[in-house]
């Protein structure tokens, strides 16, 4: 699902990194660069939005590394980050195993962990997953305060 662009990105970055813990560190440096460049370019991302983005993106990247690409030593994650005046869009692609949405469980039977997707979904305006061929595709969108519906 792709949102229609209301404006052009003011900054974009694309990268590939290994689907490992070390690769996650490299990715977070790319994310930091995007957020820092927004400050330099005079369009700071509101603090609450930056925190929500870091949280949601960290959960999705962690899930890709831990679940989709576990046991695949050469697995990589492709990432695209686009900063617009009113939002950030992040896309991720990997060749790991498909995501299977867990079945809903009664509140008294919920596990102690496994809330990453719920946290990510609550932090974003769009969290979309599709599988095309052998590739997982994730789209994350966070609209900034004032632009949220």
C-alpha atoms as a PDB file:
ATOM      1  CA  UNK A   1       0.000   0.000   0.000  1.00  0.00           C
ATOM      2  CA  UNK A   2       1.558   3.280  -1.082  1.00  0.00           C
ATOM      3  CA  UNK A   3       0.214   6.621   0.062  1.00  0.00           C
ATOM      4  CA  UNK A   4      -0.131   9.306  -2.587  1.00  0.00           C
ATOM      5  CA  UNK A   5       2.644  11.851  -2.164  1.00  0.00           C
ATOM      6  CA  UNK A   6       1.355  15.257  -1.100  1.00  0.00           C
ATOM      7  CA  UNK A   7       4.804  16.717  -1.655  1.00  0.00           C
ATOM      8  CA  UNK A   8       8.252  15.619  -2.665  1.00  0.00           C
ATOM      9  CA  UNK A   9      10.665  14.166  -0.126  1.00  0.00           C
ATOM     10  CA  UNK A  10      13.072  16.708   1.292  1.00  0.00           C
ATOM     11  CA  UNK A  11      15.557  13.947   2.033  1.00  0.00           C
ATOM     12  CA  UNK A  12      15.879  10.288   1.034  1.00  0.00           C
ATOM     13  CA  UNK A  13      18.308   7.522   1.899  1.00  0.00           C
ATOM     14  CA  UNK A  14      18.624   3.983   0.654  1.00  0.00           C
ATOM     15  CA  UNK A  15      20.827   1.297   2.125  1.00  0.00           C
ATOM     16  CA  UNK A  16      21.387  -2.446   2.390  1.00  0.00           C
ATOM     17  CA  UNK A  17      22.687  -4.043   5.519  1.00  0.00           C
ATOM     18  CA  UNK A  18      23.258  -7.579   6.759  1.00  0.00           C
ATOM     19  CA  UNK A  19      20.338  -9.043   8.701  1.00  0.00           C
ATOM     20  CA  UNK A  20      22.463  -9.311  11.862  1.00  0.00           C
ATOM     21  CA  UNK A  21      22.921  -7.383  15.097  1.00  0.00           C
ATOM     22  CA  UNK A  22      25.949  -5.618  13.568  1.00  0.00           C
ATOM     23  CA  UNK A  23      23.826  -4.777  10.543  1.00  0.00           C
ATOM     24  CA  UNK A  24      21.173  -3.279  12.815  1.00  0.00           C
ATOM     25  CA  UNK A  25      23.809  -0.946  14.254  1.00  0.00           C
ATOM     26  CA  UNK A  26      24.677   0.186  10.723  1.00  0.00           C
ATOM     27  CA  UNK A  27      21.019   0.750   9.986  1.00  0.00           C
ATOM     28  CA  UNK A  28      20.524   2.853  13.115  1.00  0.00           C
ATOM     29  CA  UNK A  29      23.410   5.073  11.951  1.00  0.00           C
ATOM     30  CA  UNK A  30      21.473   5.605   8.672  1.00  0.00           C
ATOM     31  CA  UNK A  31      18.322   6.442  10.643  1.00  0.00           C
ATOM     32  CA  UNK A  32      20.259   8.873  12.858  1.00  0.00           C
ATOM     33  CA  UNK A  33      21.631  10.539   9.720  1.00  0.00           C
ATOM     34  CA  UNK A  34      18.110  11.028   8.331  1.00  0.00           C
ATOM     35  CA  UNK A  35      16.855  12.525  11.580  1.00  0.00           C
ATOM     36  CA  UNK A  36      19.956  14.737  11.978  1.00  0.00           C
ATOM     37  CA  UNK A  37      19.753  15.968   8.378  1.00  0.00           C
ATOM     38  CA  UNK A  38      16.182  17.060   9.026  1.00  0.00           C
ATOM     39  CA  UNK A  39      17.517  19.331  11.770  1.00  0.00           C
ATOM     40  CA  UNK A  40      20.285  20.726   9.589  1.00  0.00           C
ATOM     41  CA  UNK A  41      17.882  21.427   6.735  1.00  0.00           C
ATOM     42  CA  UNK A  42      15.672  23.497   9.044  1.00  0.00           C
ATOM     43  CA  UNK A  43      12.832  20.989   9.258  1.00  0.00           C
ATOM     44  CA  UNK A  44      13.214  19.317  12.644  1.00  0.00           C
ATOM     45  CA  UNK A  45      11.132  16.257  13.348  1.00  0.00           C
ATOM     46  CA  UNK A  46       9.077  16.785  16.513  1.00  0.00           C
ATOM     47  CA  UNK A  47      10.610  14.897  19.440  1.00  0.00           C
ATOM     48  CA  UNK A  48       7.525  12.746  20.071  1.00  0.00           C
ATOM     49  CA  UNK A  49       7.472  11.721  16.407  1.00  0.00           C
ATOM     50  CA  UNK A  50      11.204  10.942  16.383  1.00  0.00           C
ATOM     51  CA  UNK A  51      10.763   8.719  19.459  1.00  0.00           C
ATOM     52  CA  UNK A  52       7.764   6.963  17.905  1.00  0.00           C
ATOM     53  CA  UNK A  53       9.690   6.427  14.662  1.00  0.00           C
ATOM     54  CA  UNK A  54      12.751   5.026  16.409  1.00  0.00           C
ATOM     55  CA  UNK A  55      10.562   2.699  18.470  1.00  0.00           C
ATOM     56  CA  UNK A  56       8.466   1.384  15.588  1.00  0.00           C
ATOM     57  CA  UNK A  57      11.358   1.070  13.136  1.00  0.00           C
ATOM     58  CA  UNK A  58      13.498  -0.641  15.772  1.00  0.00           C
ATOM     59  CA  UNK A  59      10.742  -3.193  16.416  1.00  0.00           C
ATOM     60  CA  UNK A  60      10.280  -4.001  12.722  1.00  0.00           C
ATOM     61  CA  UNK A  61      14.016  -4.227  11.975  1.00  0.00           C
ATOM     62  CA  UNK A  62      14.498  -6.366  15.091  1.00  0.00           C
ATOM     63  CA  UNK A  63      11.728  -8.708  13.962  1.00  0.00           C
ATOM     64  CA  UNK A  64      13.209  -8.997  10.476  1.00  0.00           C
ATOM     65  CA  UNK A  65      16.622  -9.912  11.905  1.00  0.00           C
ATOM     66  CA  UNK A  66      15.349 -12.153  14.707  1.00  0.00           C
ATOM     67  CA  UNK A  67      12.465 -13.932  12.996  1.00  0.00           C
ATOM     68  CA  UNK A  68      12.488 -13.590   9.208  1.00  0.00           C
ATOM     69  CA  UNK A  69      16.218 -13.968   8.627  1.00  0.00           C
ATOM     70  CA  UNK A  70      17.318 -16.231  11.488  1.00  0.00           C
ATOM     71  CA  UNK A  71      19.471 -19.034  10.127  1.00  0.00           C
ATOM     72  CA  UNK A  72      20.097 -17.213   6.844  1.00  0.00           C
ATOM     73  CA  UNK A  73      23.737 -16.093   7.203  1.00  0.00           C
ATOM     74  CA  UNK A  74      23.839 -14.121   3.947  1.00  0.00           C
ATOM     75  CA  UNK A  75      20.458 -12.420   4.418  1.00  0.00           C
ATOM     76  CA  UNK A  76      20.285  -8.685   3.845  1.00  0.00           C
ATOM     77  CA  UNK A  77      17.690  -6.008   4.474  1.00  0.00           C
ATOM     78  CA  UNK A  78      17.067  -3.211   1.983  1.00  0.00           C
ATOM     79  CA  UNK A  79      15.794   0.000   3.491  1.00  0.00           C
ATOM     80  CA  UNK A  80      14.455   3.228   2.069  1.00  0.00           C
ATOM     81  CA  UNK A  81      13.841   6.242   4.275  1.00  0.00           C
ATOM     82  CA  UNK A  82      12.024   9.294   2.933  1.00  0.00           C
ATOM     83  CA  UNK A  83      11.562  12.490   4.937  1.00  0.00           C
ATOM     84  CA  UNK A  84       8.683  14.705   3.847  1.00  0.00           C
ATOM     85  CA  UNK A  85       7.589  17.962   5.442  1.00  0.00           C
ATOM     86  CA  UNK A  86       4.687  16.192   7.166  1.00  0.00           C
ATOM     87  CA  UNK A  87       5.894  12.604   7.634  1.00  0.00           C
ATOM     88  CA  UNK A  88       8.581   9.947   7.379  1.00  0.00           C
ATOM     89  CA  UNK A  89       8.089   6.847   5.246  1.00  0.00           C
ATOM     90  CA  UNK A  90      10.261   3.789   5.754  1.00  0.00           C
ATOM     91  CA  UNK A  91      10.309   0.736   3.510  1.00  0.00           C
ATOM     92  CA  UNK A  92      12.041  -2.547   4.250  1.00  0.00           C
ATOM     93  CA  UNK A  93      12.567  -5.585   2.051  1.00  0.00           C
ATOM     94  CA  UNK A  94      14.097  -8.919   2.951  1.00  0.00           C
ATOM     95  CA  UNK A  95      14.224 -12.436   1.536  1.00  0.00           C
ATOM     96  CA  UNK A  96      13.517 -14.115   4.869  1.00  0.00           C
ATOM     97  CA  UNK A  97      10.643 -16.378   5.776  1.00  0.00           C
ATOM     98  CA  UNK A  98       7.147 -14.899   5.358  1.00  0.00           C
ATOM     99  CA  UNK A  99       5.527 -13.088   8.259  1.00  0.00           C
ATOM    100  CA  UNK A 100       2.528 -14.939   9.650  1.00  0.00           C
ATOM    101  CA  UNK A 101       0.136 -12.789  11.622  1.00  0.00           C
ATOM    102  CA  UNK A 102      -0.459 -14.394  15.028  1.00  0.00           C
ATOM    103  CA  UNK A 103      -3.992 -15.266  16.035  1.00  0.00           C
ATOM    104  CA  UNK A 104      -5.637 -13.039  18.613  1.00  0.00           C
ATOM    105  CA  UNK A 105      -5.532 -14.399  22.150  1.00  0.00           C
ATOM    106  CA  UNK A 106      -7.628 -13.518  25.202  1.00  0.00           C
ATOM    107  CA  UNK A 107      -5.996 -10.904  27.423  1.00  0.00           C
ATOM    108  CA  UNK A 108      -5.378 -13.397  30.243  1.00  0.00           C
ATOM    109  CA  UNK A 109      -3.461 -15.673  27.839  1.00  0.00           C
ATOM    110  CA  UNK A 110      -1.117 -13.101  26.318  1.00  0.00           C
ATOM    111  CA  UNK A 111       2.593 -13.964  26.484  1.00  0.00           C
ATOM    112  CA  UNK A 112       5.066 -11.792  28.386  1.00  0.00           C
ATOM    113  CA  UNK A 113       6.828 -10.790  25.169  1.00  0.00           C
ATOM    114  CA  UNK A 114       5.803 -10.435  21.578  1.00  0.00           C
ATOM    115  CA  UNK A 115       4.255  -6.988  21.684  1.00  0.00           C
ATOM    116  CA  UNK A 116       6.636  -5.405  19.180  1.00  0.00           C
ATOM    117  CA  UNK A 117       4.146  -5.261  16.328  1.00  0.00           C
ATOM    118  CA  UNK A 118       1.460  -3.850  18.605  1.00  0.00           C
ATOM    119  CA  UNK A 119       3.867  -1.148  19.776  1.00  0.00           C
ATOM    120  CA  UNK A 120       4.914  -0.396  16.188  1.00  0.00           C
ATOM    121  CA  UNK A 121       1.312  -0.252  14.990  1.00  0.00           C
ATOM    122  CA  UNK A 122       0.368   2.109  17.836  1.00  0.00           C
ATOM    123  CA  UNK A 123       3.307   4.377  16.937  1.00  0.00           C
ATOM    124  CA  UNK A 124       2.511   4.657  13.228  1.00  0.00           C
ATOM    125  CA  UNK A 125      -0.211   5.851  10.899  1.00  0.00           C
ATOM    126  CA  UNK A 126       0.521   3.030   8.446  1.00  0.00           C
ATOM    127  CA  UNK A 127       2.108  -0.356   9.063  1.00  0.00           C
ATOM    128  CA  UNK A 128       1.677  -2.515   5.998  1.00  0.00           C
ATOM    129  CA  UNK A 129       3.160  -5.917   5.147  1.00  0.00           C
ATOM    130  CA  UNK A 130       3.014  -7.757   1.837  1.00  0.00           C
ATOM    131  CA  UNK A 131       4.835 -10.754   0.424  1.00  0.00           C
ATOM    132  CA  UNK A 132       5.659 -10.626  -3.282  1.00  0.00           C
ATOM    133  CA  UNK A 133       7.343 -13.758  -4.586  1.00  0.00           C
ATOM    134  CA  UNK A 134      10.149 -14.513  -2.152  1.00  0.00           C
ATOM    135  CA  UNK A 135      10.396 -10.987  -0.755  1.00  0.00           C
ATOM    136  CA  UNK A 136       8.859  -9.471   2.376  1.00  0.00           C
ATOM    137  CA  UNK A 137       7.846  -5.810   1.993  1.00  0.00           C
ATOM    138  CA  UNK A 138       7.121  -3.491   4.920  1.00  0.00           C
ATOM    139  CA  UNK A 139       5.840   0.093   4.691  1.00  0.00           C
ATOM    140  CA  UNK A 140       5.865   2.290   7.792  1.00  0.00           C
ATOM    141  CA  UNK A 141       4.496   5.839   7.825  1.00  0.00           C
ATOM    142  CA  UNK A 142       4.480   8.317  10.681  1.00  0.00           C
ATOM    143  CA  UNK A 143       2.717  11.642  10.107  1.00  0.00           C
ATOM    144  CA  UNK A 144       3.923  14.453  12.318  1.00  0.00           C
ATOM    145  CA  UNK A 145       1.863  16.069  15.062  1.00  0.00           C
ATOM    146  CA  UNK A 146      -0.686  18.405  13.614  1.00  0.00           C
ATOM    147  CA  UNK A 147      -0.867  16.229  10.476  1.00  0.00           C
ATOM    148  CA  UNK A 148      -2.199  13.160  12.258  1.00  0.00           C
ATOM    149  CA  UNK A 149      -5.750  12.048  11.779  1.00  0.00           C
END
